[in-house]
C-alpha atoms as a PDB file:
ATOM      1  CA  MET A   1      22.438  69.826-107.719  1.00  0.00           C
ATOM      2  CA  GLU A   2      24.845  67.110-106.615  1.00  0.00           C
ATOM      3  CA  PRO A   3      27.016  66.798-103.501  1.00  0.00           C
ATOM      4  CA  ILE A   4      30.304  68.628-103.975  1.00  0.00           C
ATOM      5  CA  ARG A   5      33.224  66.321-104.787  1.00  0.00           C
ATOM      6  CA  ARG A   6      36.960  66.844-104.593  1.00  0.00           C
ATOM      7  CA  GLU A   7      36.994  66.910-108.415  1.00  0.00           C
ATOM      8  CA  ASP A   8      34.917  70.111-108.316  1.00  0.00           C
ATOM      9  CA  SER A   9      37.786  72.156-106.860  1.00  0.00           C
ATOM     10  CA  ASP A  10      38.809  73.777-110.169  1.00  0.00           C
ATOM     11  CA  ASP A  11      35.209  74.762-110.868  1.00  0.00           C
ATOM     12  CA  LEU A  12      34.822  76.070-107.313  1.00  0.00           C
ATOM     13  CA  PHE A  13      37.989  78.111-107.736  1.00  0.00           C
ATOM     14  CA  GLU A  14      36.868  79.691-111.000  1.00  0.00           C
ATOM     15  CA  ALA A  15      33.281  80.374-109.913  1.00  0.00           C
ATOM     16  CA  VAL A  16      33.711  81.323-106.261  1.00  0.00           C
ATOM     17  CA  VAL A  17      37.190  81.414-104.744  1.00  0.00           C
ATOM     18  CA  SER A  18      38.738  83.630-107.440  1.00  0.00           C
ATOM     19  CA  GLN A  19      35.786  86.054-107.382  1.00  0.00           C
ATOM     20  CA  GLU A  20      36.470  88.914-104.977  1.00  0.00           C
ATOM     21  CA  SER A  21      32.878  90.137-105.260  1.00  0.00           C
ATOM     22  CA  VAL A  22      31.719  86.741-103.931  1.00  0.00           C
ATOM     23  CA  MET A  23      34.374  86.006-101.326  1.00  0.00           C
ATOM     24  CA  ARG A  24      34.049  89.400 -99.613  1.00  0.00           C
ATOM     25  CA  TRP A  25      30.684  88.294 -98.230  1.00  0.00           C
ATOM     26  CA  LEU A  26      31.835  84.885 -96.961  1.00  0.00           C
ATOM     27  CA  ALA A  27      33.175  84.214 -93.473  1.00  0.00           C
ATOM     28  CA  THR A  28      36.321  82.708 -94.991  1.00  0.00           C
ATOM     29  CA  GLY A  29      37.192  86.046 -96.573  1.00  0.00           C
ATOM     30  CA  ARG A  30      39.659  86.425 -99.415  1.00  0.00           C
ATOM     31  CA  ALA A  31      41.237  83.143-100.581  1.00  0.00           C
ATOM     32  CA  ASP A  32      42.481  83.211-104.151  1.00  0.00           C
ATOM     33  CA  SER A  33      44.433  79.969-104.532  1.00  0.00           C
ATOM     34  CA  ARG A  34      43.510  76.648-106.069  1.00  0.00           C
ATOM     35  CA  SER A  35      44.818  74.915-102.954  1.00  0.00           C
ATOM     36  CA  ALA A  36      42.238  76.882-100.934  1.00  0.00           C
ATOM     37  CA  ALA A  37      39.507  75.609-103.258  1.00  0.00           C
ATOM     38  CA  GLU A  38      40.797  72.048-102.830  1.00  0.00           C
ATOM     39  CA  ALA A  39      40.708  72.453 -99.037  1.00  0.00           C
ATOM     40  CA  MET A  40      37.133  73.744 -99.228  1.00  0.00           C
ATOM     41  CA  CYS A  41      36.069  70.758-101.319  1.00  0.00           C
ATOM     42  CA  ASP A  42      37.725  68.406 -98.836  1.00  0.00           C
ATOM     43  CA  GLU A  43      35.752  70.078 -96.029  1.00  0.00           C
ATOM     44  CA  HIS A  44      32.511  69.707 -97.987  1.00  0.00           C
ATOM     45  CA  VAL A  45      33.167  66.007 -98.635  1.00  0.00           C
ATOM     46  CA  ALA A  46      34.012  65.428 -94.957  1.00  0.00           C
ATOM     47  CA  HIS A  47      30.816  67.211 -93.916  1.00  0.00           C
ATOM     48  CA  TRP A  48      28.712  64.926 -96.147  1.00  0.00           C
ATOM     49  CA  THR A  49      30.437  61.912 -94.603  1.00  0.00           C
ATOM     50  CA  ARG A  50      29.798  63.105 -91.042  1.00  0.00           C
ATOM     51  CA  HIS A  51      26.226  64.331 -91.370  1.00  0.00           C
ATOM     52  CA  GLY A  52      24.664  62.859 -94.491  1.00  0.00           C
ATOM     53  CA  TYR A  53      23.888  66.310 -95.897  1.00  0.00           C
ATOM     54  CA  GLY A  54      25.957  69.314 -96.907  1.00  0.00           C
ATOM     55  CA  ASP A  55      26.812  71.627 -99.795  1.00  0.00           C
ATOM     56  CA  PHE A  56      25.820  70.954-103.399  1.00  0.00           C
ATOM     57  CA  ALA A  57      27.550  71.843-106.628  1.00  0.00           C
ATOM     58  CA  VAL A  58      24.935  73.789-108.584  1.00  0.00           C
ATOM     59  CA  ARG A  59      25.106  73.493-112.373  1.00  0.00           C
ATOM     60  CA  ASP A  60      23.113  74.933-115.240  1.00  0.00           C
ATOM     61  CA  ALA A  61      20.605  72.289-116.345  1.00  0.00           C
ATOM     62  CA  ALA A  62      21.132  73.068-120.039  1.00  0.00           C
ATOM     63  CA  THR A  63      24.887  73.673-120.270  1.00  0.00           C
ATOM     64  CA  HIS A  64      26.111  71.872-117.115  1.00  0.00           C
ATOM     65  CA  ALA A  65      28.202  74.964-116.349  1.00  0.00           C
ATOM     66  CA  PHE A  66      29.236  75.206-112.697  1.00  0.00           C
ATOM     67  CA  LEU A  67      27.343  78.110-111.110  1.00  0.00           C
ATOM     68  CA  GLY A  68      28.461  77.843-107.489  1.00  0.00           C
ATOM     69  CA  ARG A  69      27.637  76.027-104.286  1.00  0.00           C
ATOM     70  CA  VAL A  70      24.480  76.050-102.183  1.00  0.00           C
ATOM     71  CA  GLY A  71      23.761  73.803 -99.237  1.00  0.00           C
ATOM     72  CA  LEU A  72      23.267  72.989 -95.589  1.00  0.00           C
ATOM     73  CA  ARG A  73      26.163  73.324 -93.161  1.00  0.00           C
ATOM     74  CA  ASN A  74      26.040  72.043 -89.597  1.00  0.00           C
ATOM     75  CA  ARG A  75      27.655  74.600 -87.306  1.00  0.00           C
ATOM     76  CA  ALA A  76      28.281  73.014 -83.929  1.00  0.00           C
ATOM     77  CA  ARG A  77      27.591  76.206 -81.994  1.00  0.00           C
ATOM     78  CA  TYR A  78      24.634  77.582 -83.952  1.00  0.00           C
ATOM     79  CA  GLY A  79      22.776  74.839 -85.838  1.00  0.00           C
ATOM     80  CA  VAL A  80      22.228  74.092 -89.525  1.00  0.00           C
ATOM     81  CA  ASP A  81      23.017  76.974 -91.861  1.00  0.00           C
ATOM     82  CA  LEU A  82      21.662  77.518 -95.388  1.00  0.00           C
ATOM     83  CA  GLY A  83      24.495  79.116 -97.332  1.00  0.00           C
ATOM     84  CA  PHE A  84      25.165  79.989-100.945  1.00  0.00           C
ATOM     85  CA  ALA A  85      28.029  81.334-103.032  1.00  0.00           C
ATOM     86  CA  LEU A  86      27.398  81.848-106.745  1.00  0.00           C
ATOM     87  CA  HIS A  87      29.460  83.135-109.649  1.00  0.00           C
ATOM     88  CA  PRO A  88      28.477  86.713-110.608  1.00  0.00           C
ATOM     89  CA  ARG A  89      27.029  85.427-113.899  1.00  0.00           C
ATOM     90  CA  ALA A  90      24.558  83.282-111.944  1.00  0.00           C
ATOM     91  CA  GLN A  91      23.398  86.071-109.682  1.00  0.00           C
ATOM     92  CA  GLY A  92      20.108  87.831-110.305  1.00  0.00           C
ATOM     93  CA  ARG A  93      18.629  84.827-112.140  1.00  0.00           C
ATOM     94  CA  GLY A  94      16.811  83.208-109.216  1.00  0.00           C
ATOM     95  CA  VAL A  95      19.391  80.419-108.929  1.00  0.00           C
ATOM     96  CA  ALA A  96      20.045  80.981-105.225  1.00  0.00           C
ATOM     97  CA  GLY A  97      16.321  81.008-104.525  1.00  0.00           C
ATOM     98  CA  GLU A  98      15.613  77.839-106.510  1.00  0.00           C
ATOM     99  CA  ALA A  99      18.545  75.934-105.028  1.00  0.00           C
ATOM    100  CA  GLY A 100      17.761  77.316-101.573  1.00  0.00           C
ATOM    101  CA  ARG A 101      14.173  76.050-101.783  1.00  0.00           C
ATOM    102  CA  ALA A 102      15.494  72.606-102.732  1.00  0.00           C
ATOM    103  CA  CYS A 103      17.775  72.651 -99.662  1.00  0.00           C
ATOM    104  CA  LEU A 104      14.900  73.682 -97.397  1.00  0.00           C
ATOM    105  CA  ASP A 105      12.842  70.861 -98.873  1.00  0.00           C
ATOM    106  CA  LEU A 106      15.683  68.488 -97.999  1.00  0.00           C
ATOM    107  CA  ALA A 107      16.006  69.954 -94.501  1.00  0.00           C
ATOM    108  CA  PHE A 108      12.347  69.900 -93.523  1.00  0.00           C
ATOM    109  CA  ARG A 109      10.757  67.136 -95.596  1.00  0.00           C
ATOM    110  CA  ARG A 110      13.584  64.633 -95.899  1.00  0.00           C
ATOM    111  CA  LEU A 111      15.584  65.218 -92.714  1.00  0.00           C
ATOM    112  CA  SER A 112      12.845  66.543 -90.371  1.00  0.00           C
ATOM    113  CA  LEU A 113      15.156  69.242 -89.040  1.00  0.00           C
ATOM    114  CA  PRO A 114      13.364  71.556 -86.592  1.00  0.00           C
ATOM    115  CA  ALA A 115      14.953  74.763 -87.898  1.00  0.00           C
ATOM    116  CA  VAL A 116      17.462  76.105 -90.425  1.00  0.00           C
ATOM    117  CA  PHE A 117      19.396  79.353 -90.073  1.00  0.00           C
ATOM    118  CA  GLY A 118      21.016  81.834 -92.403  1.00  0.00           C
ATOM    119  CA  PHE A 119      24.068  83.860 -91.342  1.00  0.00           C
ATOM    120  CA  VAL A 120      24.860  86.949 -93.377  1.00  0.00           C
ATOM    121  CA  LEU A 121      27.220  89.885 -93.033  1.00  0.00           C
ATOM    122  CA  PRO A 122      25.534  93.270 -92.539  1.00  0.00           C
ATOM    123  CA  GLY A 123      25.350  95.090 -95.840  1.00  0.00           C
ATOM    124  CA  ASN A 124      24.898  91.949 -97.937  1.00  0.00           C
ATOM    125  CA  THR A 125      21.490  93.123 -99.101  1.00  0.00           C
ATOM    126  CA  ALA A 126      21.264  90.649-102.001  1.00  0.00           C
ATOM    127  CA  SER A 127      21.640  87.605 -99.717  1.00  0.00           C
ATOM    128  CA  ILE A 128      19.275  89.086 -97.148  1.00  0.00           C
ATOM    129  CA  ALA A 129      16.673  89.538 -99.888  1.00  0.00           C
ATOM    130  CA  VAL A 130      17.046  85.878-100.927  1.00  0.00           C
ATOM    131  CA  LEU A 131      16.652  84.668 -97.337  1.00  0.00           C
ATOM    132  CA  ARG A 132      13.523  86.777 -96.867  1.00  0.00           C
ATOM    133  CA  ARG A 133      11.982  85.570-100.136  1.00  0.00           C
ATOM    134  CA  LEU A 134      12.555  82.004 -98.953  1.00  0.00           C
ATOM    135  CA  GLY A 135      10.611  82.720 -95.769  1.00  0.00           C
ATOM    136  CA  ALA A 136      13.342  83.494 -93.222  1.00  0.00           C
ATOM    137  CA  GLN A 137      12.673  85.781 -90.280  1.00  0.00           C
ATOM    138  CA  ALA A 138      15.254  88.003 -88.582  1.00  0.00           C
ATOM    139  CA  ASP A 139      16.609  86.273 -85.467  1.00  0.00           C
ATOM    140  CA  GLY A 140      19.153  88.604 -83.918  1.00  0.00           C
ATOM    141  CA  ALA A 141      22.905  88.630 -84.418  1.00  0.00           C
ATOM    142  CA  VAL A 142      25.800  86.333 -83.520  1.00  0.00           C
ATOM    143  CA  GLN A 143      29.562  86.152 -83.750  1.00  0.00           C
ATOM    144  CA  SER A 144      30.390  83.554 -86.411  1.00  0.00           C
ATOM    145  CA  SER A 145      33.960  82.819 -87.499  1.00  0.00           C
ATOM    146  CA  GLY A 146      34.988  85.929 -85.553  1.00  0.00           C
ATOM    147  CA  LEU A 147      32.626  88.185 -87.530  1.00  0.00           C
ATOM    148  CA  HIS A 148      29.464  90.012 -86.536  1.00  0.00           C
ATOM    149  CA  CYS A 149      26.677  88.323 -88.502  1.00  0.00           C
ATOM    150  CA  LEU A 150      22.956  88.845 -88.794  1.00  0.00           C
ATOM    151  CA  ARG A 151      21.023  85.639 -88.167  1.00  0.00           C
ATOM    152  CA  TYR A 152      17.843  84.586 -89.956  1.00  0.00           C
ATOM    153  CA  ARG A 153      15.688  81.599 -89.094  1.00  0.00           C
ATOM    154  CA  PHE A 154      13.563  79.235 -91.180  1.00  0.00           C
ATOM    155  CA  ASP A 155      10.810  77.165 -89.581  1.00  0.00           C
ATOM    156  CA  LEU A 156       8.728  74.543 -91.334  1.00  0.00           C
ATOM    157  CA  ALA A 157       5.457  76.316 -90.550  1.00  0.00           C
ATOM    158  CA  ALA A 158       6.690  79.588 -92.059  1.00  0.00           C
ATOM    159  CA  THR A 159       8.545  78.149 -95.026  1.00  0.00           C
ATOM    160  CA  ALA A 160       6.796  77.331 -98.296  1.00  0.00           C
ATOM    161  CA  ALA A 161       9.135  74.532 -99.369  1.00  0.00           C
ATOM    162  CA  ALA A 162       8.879  73.940-103.101  1.00  0.00           C
ATOM    163  CA  GLU A 163       8.493  70.492-104.632  1.00  0.00           C
ATOM    164  CA  HIS A 164      12.123  70.152-105.680  1.00  0.00           C
ATOM    165  CA  VAL A 165      14.051  66.900-105.505  1.00  0.00           C
ATOM    166  CA  VAL A 166      17.829  66.877-105.148  1.00  0.00           C
ATOM    167  CA  ASP A 167      20.181  63.969-105.622  1.00  0.00           C
ATOM    168  CA  ASN A 168      21.633  63.714-102.143  1.00  0.00           C
ATOM    169  CA  GLY A 169      23.175  60.307-102.748  1.00  0.00           C
ATOM    170  CA  CYS A 170      20.469  58.631-100.648  1.00  0.00           C
ATOM    171  CA  ALA A 171      17.374  60.086-102.274  1.00  0.00           C
ATOM    172  CA  ASP A 172      14.958  57.474-100.971  1.00  0.00           C
ATOM    173  CA  LEU A 173      15.879  57.918 -97.312  1.00  0.00           C
ATOM    174  CA  GLN A 174      13.525  60.057 -95.227  1.00  0.00           C
ATOM    175  CA  LEU A 175      13.661  60.878 -91.523  1.00  0.00           C
ATOM    176  CA  VAL A 176      10.356  61.101 -89.691  1.00  0.00           C
ATOM    177  CA  HIS A 177      10.071  62.836 -86.325  1.00  0.00           C
ATOM    178  CA  ALA A 178       7.181  61.885 -84.025  1.00  0.00           C
ATOM    179  CA  PRO A 179       6.364  62.396 -80.338  1.00  0.00           C
ATOM    180  CA  GLY A 180       6.465  59.354 -78.106  1.00  0.00           C
ATOM    181  CA  PRO A 181       8.622  56.229 -77.918  1.00  0.00           C
ATOM    182  CA  GLY A 182       7.872  55.053 -81.442  1.00  0.00           C
ATOM    183  CA  SER A 183       5.953  52.171 -82.948  1.00  0.00           C
ATOM    184  CA  PRO A 184       6.461  48.705 -81.385  1.00  0.00           C
ATOM    185  CA  ASP A 185       6.150  47.222 -84.890  1.00  0.00           C
ATOM    186  CA  ASP A 186       8.949  49.473 -86.138  1.00  0.00           C
ATOM    187  CA  HIS A 187      11.160  48.501 -83.189  1.00  0.00           C
ATOM    188  CA  ALA A 188      10.501  44.814 -83.858  1.00  0.00           C
ATOM    189  CA  ALA A 189      11.388  45.235 -87.539  1.00  0.00           C
ATOM    190  CA  LEU A 190      14.662  46.967 -86.683  1.00  0.00           C
ATOM    191  CA  ARG A 191      15.626  44.307 -84.140  1.00  0.00           C
ATOM    192  CA  ASP A 192      15.284  41.727 -86.920  1.00  0.00           C
ATOM    193  CA  GLY A 193      14.901  38.862 -84.454  1.00  0.00           C
ATOM    194  CA  ARG A 194      17.783  39.926 -82.194  1.00  0.00           C
ATOM    195  CA  SER A 195      16.913  39.659 -78.511  1.00  0.00           C
ATOM    196  CA  ASP A 196      19.542  42.144 -77.280  1.00  0.00           C
ATOM    197  CA  PRO A 197      20.514  44.517 -80.117  1.00  0.00           C
ATOM    198  CA  PHE A 198      21.875  47.139 -77.696  1.00  0.00           C
ATOM    199  CA  GLY A 199      23.927  44.681 -75.627  1.00  0.00           C
ATOM    200  CA  VAL A 200      22.395  45.834 -72.338  1.00  0.00           C
ATOM    201  CA  ASN A 201      20.166  42.983 -71.210  1.00  0.00           C
ATOM    202  CA  GLY A 202      22.754  41.684 -68.765  1.00  0.00           C
ATOM    203  CA  LEU A 203      23.008  45.040 -66.994  1.00  0.00           C
ATOM    204  CA  GLY A 204      19.667  44.647 -65.257  1.00  0.00           C
ATOM    205  CA  LEU A 205      18.623  48.254 -65.868  1.00  0.00           C
ATOM    206  CA  VAL A 206      15.118  49.666 -66.271  1.00  0.00           C
ATOM    207  CA  TRP A 207      15.012  52.238 -69.065  1.00  0.00           C
ATOM    208  CA  ALA A 208      12.967  55.407 -69.537  1.00  0.00           C
ATOM    209  CA  ASP A 209      10.496  55.765 -72.384  1.00  0.00           C
ATOM    210  CA  LYS A 210      11.598  58.288 -74.990  1.00  0.00           C
ATOM    211  CA  GLN A 211       9.599  61.484 -75.453  1.00  0.00           C
ATOM    212  CA  HIS A 212      10.502  61.755 -79.144  1.00  0.00           C
ATOM    213  CA  THR A 213      11.516  59.339 -81.888  1.00  0.00           C
ATOM    214  CA  LEU A 214      13.327  59.901 -85.165  1.00  0.00           C
ATOM    215  CA  THR A 215      12.838  57.082 -87.672  1.00  0.00           C
ATOM    216  CA  ALA A 216      14.723  56.639 -90.931  1.00  0.00           C
ATOM    217  CA  VAL A 217      12.475  55.188 -93.621  1.00  0.00           C
ATOM    218  CA  SER A 218      13.539  53.692 -96.957  1.00  0.00           C
ATOM    219  CA  GLU A 219      11.128  52.258 -99.515  1.00  0.00           C
ATOM    220  CA  GLY A 220       8.349  52.658 -96.981  1.00  0.00           C
ATOM    221  CA  ARG A 221      10.080  50.579 -94.304  1.00  0.00           C
ATOM    222  CA  PRO A 222      11.937  51.652 -91.144  1.00  0.00           C
ATOM    223  CA  VAL A 223      15.682  51.118 -91.440  1.00  0.00           C
ATOM    224  CA  ALA A 224      16.922  52.940 -88.316  1.00  0.00           C
ATOM    225  CA  SER A 225      15.659  54.922 -85.348  1.00  0.00           C
ATOM    226  CA  ALA A 226      16.748  56.900 -82.311  1.00  0.00           C
ATOM    227  CA  GLY A 227      14.848  58.438 -79.414  1.00  0.00           C
ATOM    228  CA  TRP A 228      15.400  61.160 -76.870  1.00  0.00           C
ATOM    229  CA  LEU A 229      13.949  62.849 -73.811  1.00  0.00           C
ATOM    230  CA  LEU A 230      14.363  66.295 -72.274  1.00  0.00           C
ATOM    231  CA  ARG A 231      15.030  66.484 -68.549  1.00  0.00           C
ATOM    232  CA  ASP A 232      16.580  68.651 -65.831  1.00  0.00           C
ATOM    233  CA  MET A 233      19.733  66.828 -64.712  1.00  0.00           C
ATOM    234  CA  ALA A 234      22.450  67.699 -62.186  1.00  0.00           C
ATOM    235  CA  PHE A 235      26.003  68.436 -63.334  1.00  0.00           C
ATOM    236  CA  ASP A 236      28.417  68.789 -60.405  1.00  0.00           C
ATOM    237  CA  GLY A 237      25.342  69.407 -58.253  1.00  0.00           C
ATOM    238  CA  LEU A 238      23.997  72.228 -60.434  1.00  0.00           C
ATOM    239  CA  PRO A 239      20.828  71.943 -62.547  1.00  0.00           C
ATOM    240  CA  ARG A 240      21.209  71.697 -66.301  1.00  0.00           C
ATOM    241  CA  ARG A 241      18.597  71.251 -69.034  1.00  0.00           C
ATOM    242  CA  ALA A 242      19.744  68.209 -70.958  1.00  0.00           C
ATOM    243  CA  VAL A 243      18.582  65.812 -73.644  1.00  0.00           C
ATOM    244  CA  GLY A 244      19.265  62.120 -73.254  1.00  0.00           C
ATOM    245  CA  LEU A 245      19.706  60.348 -76.584  1.00  0.00           C
ATOM    246  CA  GLY A 246      19.241  56.591 -76.787  1.00  0.00           C
ATOM    247  CA  GLY A 247      17.739  53.672 -78.615  1.00  0.00           C
ATOM    248  CA  LEU A 248      19.961  54.202 -81.654  1.00  0.00           C
ATOM    249  CA  LEU A 249      19.411  51.165 -83.836  1.00  0.00           C
ATOM    250  CA  VAL A 250      20.136  50.477 -87.515  1.00  0.00           C
ATOM    251  CA  HIS A 251      18.797  47.407 -89.301  1.00  0.00           C
ATOM    252  CA  PRO A 252      21.704  45.061 -90.158  1.00  0.00           C
ATOM    253  CA  ALA A 253      20.980  45.316 -93.903  1.00  0.00           C
ATOM    254  CA  HIS A 254      21.390  49.104 -93.820  1.00  0.00           C
ATOM    255  CA  ARG A 255      24.537  49.495 -91.754  1.00  0.00           C
ATOM    256  CA  GLY A 256      27.581  51.186 -93.222  1.00  0.00           C
ATOM    257  CA  LYS A 257      25.516  53.764 -95.138  1.00  0.00           C
ATOM    258  CA  GLY A 258      25.965  56.667 -92.724  1.00  0.00           C
ATOM    259  CA  ILE A 259      22.361  56.572 -91.494  1.00  0.00           C
ATOM    260  CA  ALA A 260      23.372  56.573 -87.813  1.00  0.00           C
ATOM    261  CA  ARG A 261      25.476  59.695 -88.370  1.00  0.00           C
ATOM    262  CA  THR A 262      22.537  61.528 -89.894  1.00  0.00           C
ATOM    263  CA  LEU A 263      20.157  60.422 -87.119  1.00  0.00           C
ATOM    264  CA  ILE A 264      22.526  61.694 -84.426  1.00  0.00           C
ATOM    265  CA  SER A 265      23.199  64.950 -86.288  1.00  0.00           C
ATOM    266  CA  VAL A 266      19.492  65.704 -86.714  1.00  0.00           C
ATOM    267  CA  ALA A 267      18.689  64.690 -83.117  1.00  0.00           C
ATOM    268  CA  VAL A 268      21.239  67.262 -81.933  1.00  0.00           C
ATOM    269  CA  GLU A 269      19.320  69.973 -83.782  1.00  0.00           C
ATOM    270  CA  HIS A 270      16.050  68.901 -82.161  1.00  0.00           C
ATOM    271  CA  ALA A 271      17.744  69.142 -78.766  1.00  0.00           C
ATOM    272  CA  ARG A 272      18.997  72.622 -79.630  1.00  0.00           C
ATOM    273  CA  ALA A 273      15.512  73.708 -80.728  1.00  0.00           C
ATOM    274  CA  ALA A 274      14.057  72.366 -77.453  1.00  0.00           C
ATOM    275  CA  GLY A 275      16.341  74.608 -75.415  1.00  0.00           C
ATOM    276  CA  ALA A 276      18.708  71.907 -74.160  1.00  0.00           C
ATOM    277  CA  GLU A 277      22.104  73.028 -72.923  1.00  0.00           C
ATOM    278  CA  THR A 278      23.751  69.615 -73.191  1.00  0.00           C
ATOM    279  CA  MET A 279      23.139  66.218 -74.799  1.00  0.00           C
ATOM    280  CA  MET A 280      24.107  62.883 -73.295  1.00  0.00           C
ATOM    281  CA  LEU A 281      24.317  59.352 -74.644  1.00  0.00           C
ATOM    282  CA  LEU A 282      24.878  56.214 -72.591  1.00  0.00           C
ATOM    283  CA  CYS A 283      27.003  54.659 -75.234  1.00  0.00           C
ATOM    284  CA  HIS A 284      27.633  51.149 -76.503  1.00  0.00           C
ATOM    285  CA  PRO A 285      31.413  50.837 -77.084  1.00  0.00           C
ATOM    286  CA  ASP A 286      30.867  50.399 -80.828  1.00  0.00           C
ATOM    287  CA  LEU A 287      29.373  53.900 -81.044  1.00  0.00           C
ATOM    288  CA  ILE A 288      32.240  55.755 -79.340  1.00  0.00           C
ATOM    289  CA  PRO A 289      34.318  56.352 -82.527  1.00  0.00           C
ATOM    290  CA  LEU A 290      31.226  57.519 -84.431  1.00  0.00           C
ATOM    291  CA  CYS A 291      30.167  59.962 -81.722  1.00  0.00           C
ATOM    292  CA  THR A 292      33.718  61.266 -81.415  1.00  0.00           C
ATOM    293  CA  GLN A 293      33.759  62.060 -85.141  1.00  0.00           C
ATOM    294  CA  LEU A 294      30.529  64.032 -84.688  1.00  0.00           C
ATOM    295  CA  GLY A 295      32.010  66.207 -81.935  1.00  0.00           C
ATOM    296  CA  TRP A 296      30.906  64.287 -78.833  1.00  0.00           C
ATOM    297  CA  SER A 297      33.294  63.833 -75.894  1.00  0.00           C
ATOM    298  CA  ARG A 298      33.755  60.945 -73.509  1.00  0.00           C
ATOM    299  CA  LEU A 299      32.787  61.723 -69.925  1.00  0.00           C
ATOM    300  CA  SER A 300      35.075  60.416 -67.186  1.00  0.00           C
ATOM    301  CA  VAL A 301      33.002  61.246 -64.068  1.00  0.00           C
ATOM    302  CA  PRO A 302      30.483  58.832 -62.445  1.00  0.00           C
ATOM    303  CA  VAL A 303      26.910  59.077 -63.726  1.00  0.00           C
ATOM    304  CA  ALA A 304      24.073  58.251 -61.318  1.00  0.00           C
ATOM    305  CA  VAL A 305      20.859  56.748 -62.686  1.00  0.00           C
ATOM    306  CA  ARG A 306      17.594  56.078 -60.864  1.00  0.00           C
ATOM    307  CA  GLN A 307      16.213  52.548 -60.635  1.00  0.00           C
ATOM    308  CA  PRO A 308      13.125  51.095 -58.926  1.00  0.00           C
ATOM    309  CA  ASP A 309      15.325  49.760 -56.087  1.00  0.00           C
ATOM    310  CA  GLY A 310      17.365  52.964 -55.718  1.00  0.00           C
ATOM    311  CA  PRO A 311      20.181  54.883 -57.401  1.00  0.00           C
ATOM    312  CA  ARG A 312      22.981  53.172 -59.312  1.00  0.00           C
ATOM    313  CA  THR A 313      26.113  54.235 -61.104  1.00  0.00           C
ATOM    314  CA  SER A 314      25.762  53.720 -64.836  1.00  0.00           C
ATOM    315  CA  PRO A 315      27.982  50.889 -66.116  1.00  0.00           C
ATOM    316  CA  LEU A 316      27.999  52.335 -69.637  1.00  0.00           C
ATOM    317  CA  THR A 317      30.348  54.847 -71.228  1.00  0.00           C
ATOM    318  CA  THR A 318      28.767  58.305 -71.248  1.00  0.00           C
ATOM    319  CA  MET A 319      29.242  60.629 -74.230  1.00  0.00           C
ATOM    320  CA  ILE A 320      28.419  64.337 -73.978  1.00  0.00           C
ATOM    321  CA  TYR A 321      27.728  67.069 -76.544  1.00  0.00           C
ATOM    322  CA  ASP A 322      27.753  70.725 -75.496  1.00  0.00           C
ATOM    323  CA  LEU A 323      25.125  73.051 -76.980  1.00  0.00           C
ATOM    324  CA  ALA A 324      25.572  76.182 -74.893  1.00  0.00           C
ATOM    325  CA  GLY A 325      29.288  76.642 -74.240  1.00  0.00           C
ATOM    326  CA  LEU A 326      29.045  75.216 -70.722  1.00  0.00           C
ATOM    327  CA  PRO A 327      31.922  73.350 -69.042  1.00  0.00           C
ATOM    328  CA  HIS A 328      31.873  69.582 -68.809  1.00  0.00           C
ATOM    329  CA  PRO A 329      31.288  68.224 -65.308  1.00  0.00           C
ATOM    330  CA  THR A 330      34.375  67.376 -63.291  1.00  0.00           C
ATOM    331  CA  ILE A 331      32.813  65.655 -60.259  1.00  0.00           C
ATOM    332  CA  SER A 332      29.596  63.815 -61.090  1.00  0.00           C
ATOM    333  CA  VAL A 333      26.359  63.732 -63.088  1.00  0.00           C
ATOM    334  CA  ASP A 334      22.934  62.741 -61.784  1.00  0.00           C
ATOM    335  CA  LEU A 335      20.437  61.915 -64.543  1.00  0.00           C
ATOM    336  CA  ARG A 336      17.602  62.463 -62.023  1.00  0.00           C
ATOM    337  CA  GLY A 337      15.616  59.667 -63.545  1.00  0.00           C
ATOM    338  CA  LEU A 338      15.790  56.378 -65.393  1.00  0.00           C
ATOM    339  CA  PRO A 339      18.565  55.962 -67.963  1.00  0.00           C
ATOM    340  CA  PHE A 340      17.770  56.533 -71.617  1.00  0.00           C
END
């Protein structure tokens, strides 16, 4: 299993896109052109770049024949989806189950995702059987890509993740989720002697402690972290359950590797699992392009924050990520607490 590349488009066409018996069960439906396969590969590559995980090209270990694609897809509305599409010759051999277990291992043990979902069209009994064998539980139905889909859910406690290792291009990196604001020693190591890594010391703000921390570890050492808290906030005067994301910090020696993207992507899924309707980030200007690429939007209304001497308007750019299809505020936001 290796991340899908653009060069895999011919193999993807032959194994998946040209196979009507495979494509009929996918949300994309019938697509029988090589250009469609190229577009799919481009989407897979872009997904890896944005999130740090995605779909794998699955090949026979002995012959290196391309068998199909299996992987994790981040769906902005629904969460992370385990999906698979295999050539008919690879079906019935346990390939989907073996590759699926490797993806669940990646999701839960490497990325610390809180949940993974499976979306399947009614009548696709073979895929439903695979999801159930992997430990998924029925979780209702949703409209996905305009189609009525059954939803299945994987949780770490109910999933027997096998000891598989996949080459995800950053095999040593592991994300660790823990309650609380994180280790002071880890924070000191990530600051690497910098007194103001977030560029906020001159703002004179008092900050809230995070309720959860996600730490990226490489070779046994922290290389990046982010924290968040769950709170009832006020959007245009109405209450909204929201997660405030903050404290995003990457050690200088590990920047440019996409670690921040993966931290933000996984933090979004923790917010979704916690029942948040919206996520917010009081953003350093350098992070605005990154957050925009990940689907966040810039908020233009004033944001009130609490301080020991009274309320203030936040001087930082606020980015927002919708989790529940709710409208963005048009008048004001009150964080109802210290900034994060």
